[in-house]
């Protein structure tokens, strides 16, 4: 999955495929290392596909894989 660094604490998954909006992730480099180890980024992209979503899918620094 393509993830672009916006600045030291902001990352972006550009809108692609069925995504209606881009996904924005707020995390440091160290946190991103952990986030990349599970399905958090996939979940952020899936949220960006939901009906009715506006502007961005947002992922906060406490992100982790959920159900």
Protein backbone atom coordinates (compact mmCIF):
# COMPACT_ATOMS: atom_id res chain seq x y z
CA UNK A 1 0.00 0.00 0.00
CA UNK A 2 1.32 3.43 -0.93
CA UNK A 3 1.84 5.70 2.09
CA UNK A 4 3.21 9.22 1.60
CA UNK A 5 4.94 11.21 4.32
CA UNK A 6 3.37 14.68 4.55
CA UNK A 7 5.45 15.93 7.49
CA UNK A 8 7.07 14.55 10.66
CA UNK A 9 3.73 13.46 12.14
CA UNK A 10 1.34 13.18 9.21
CA UNK A 11 1.07 10.44 6.58
CA UNK A 12 -1.34 9.97 3.69
CA UNK A 13 -2.74 7.03 1.79
CA UNK A 14 -3.83 8.62 -1.49
CA UNK A 15 -7.33 7.94 -2.77
CA UNK A 16 -7.27 4.89 -5.02
CA UNK A 17 -9.54 2.09 -6.15
CA UNK A 18 -12.84 2.16 -4.24
CA UNK A 19 -11.62 4.77 -1.74
CA UNK A 20 -13.90 7.80 -1.78
CA UNK A 21 -11.40 9.98 0.13
CA UNK A 22 -7.71 9.77 1.09
CA UNK A 23 -6.69 8.37 4.49
CA UNK A 24 -4.66 10.56 6.85
CA UNK A 25 -2.57 8.99 9.62
CA UNK A 26 -1.19 11.00 12.53
CA UNK A 27 1.91 9.23 13.89
CA UNK A 28 5.65 9.63 14.42
CA UNK A 29 8.18 7.57 12.45
CA UNK A 30 8.48 5.22 15.44
CA UNK A 31 4.72 4.73 15.67
CA UNK A 32 4.46 4.17 11.91
CA UNK A 33 6.92 1.30 12.23
CA UNK A 34 4.45 -0.39 14.60
CA UNK A 35 1.38 0.56 12.57
CA UNK A 36 2.88 -1.01 9.44
CA UNK A 37 3.19 -4.38 11.26
CA UNK A 38 -0.55 -5.07 11.42
CA UNK A 39 -3.64 -4.24 9.37
CA UNK A 40 -4.15 -0.68 10.66
CA UNK A 41 -3.35 0.92 7.28
CA UNK A 42 -5.68 -1.51 5.52
CA UNK A 43 -8.44 -0.57 7.96
CA UNK A 44 -7.81 3.15 7.38
CA UNK A 45 -8.16 2.57 3.63
CA UNK A 46 -11.34 0.52 4.19
CA UNK A 47 -12.90 3.34 6.23
CA UNK A 48 -12.18 5.64 3.27
CA UNK A 49 -14.49 3.42 1.19
CA UNK A 50 -17.54 3.83 3.43
CA UNK A 51 -20.69 5.42 2.15
CA UNK A 52 -21.16 8.98 3.41
CA UNK A 53 -17.51 9.63 4.32
CA UNK A 54 -16.48 13.24 3.80
CA UNK A 55 -13.00 14.70 3.17
CA UNK A 56 -10.67 12.14 4.89
CA UNK A 57 -10.44 8.90 6.80
CA UNK A 58 -8.51 9.89 9.95
CA UNK A 59 -6.26 7.59 11.99
CA UNK A 60 -5.03 8.87 15.35
CA UNK A 61 -1.65 8.11 17.04
CA UNK A 62 -3.19 5.38 19.22
CA UNK A 63 -4.16 3.37 16.13
CA UNK A 64 -4.07 -0.41 16.24
CA UNK A 65 -5.65 -3.27 14.41
CA UNK A 66 -9.24 -3.84 15.52
CA UNK A 67 -12.13 -6.04 14.56
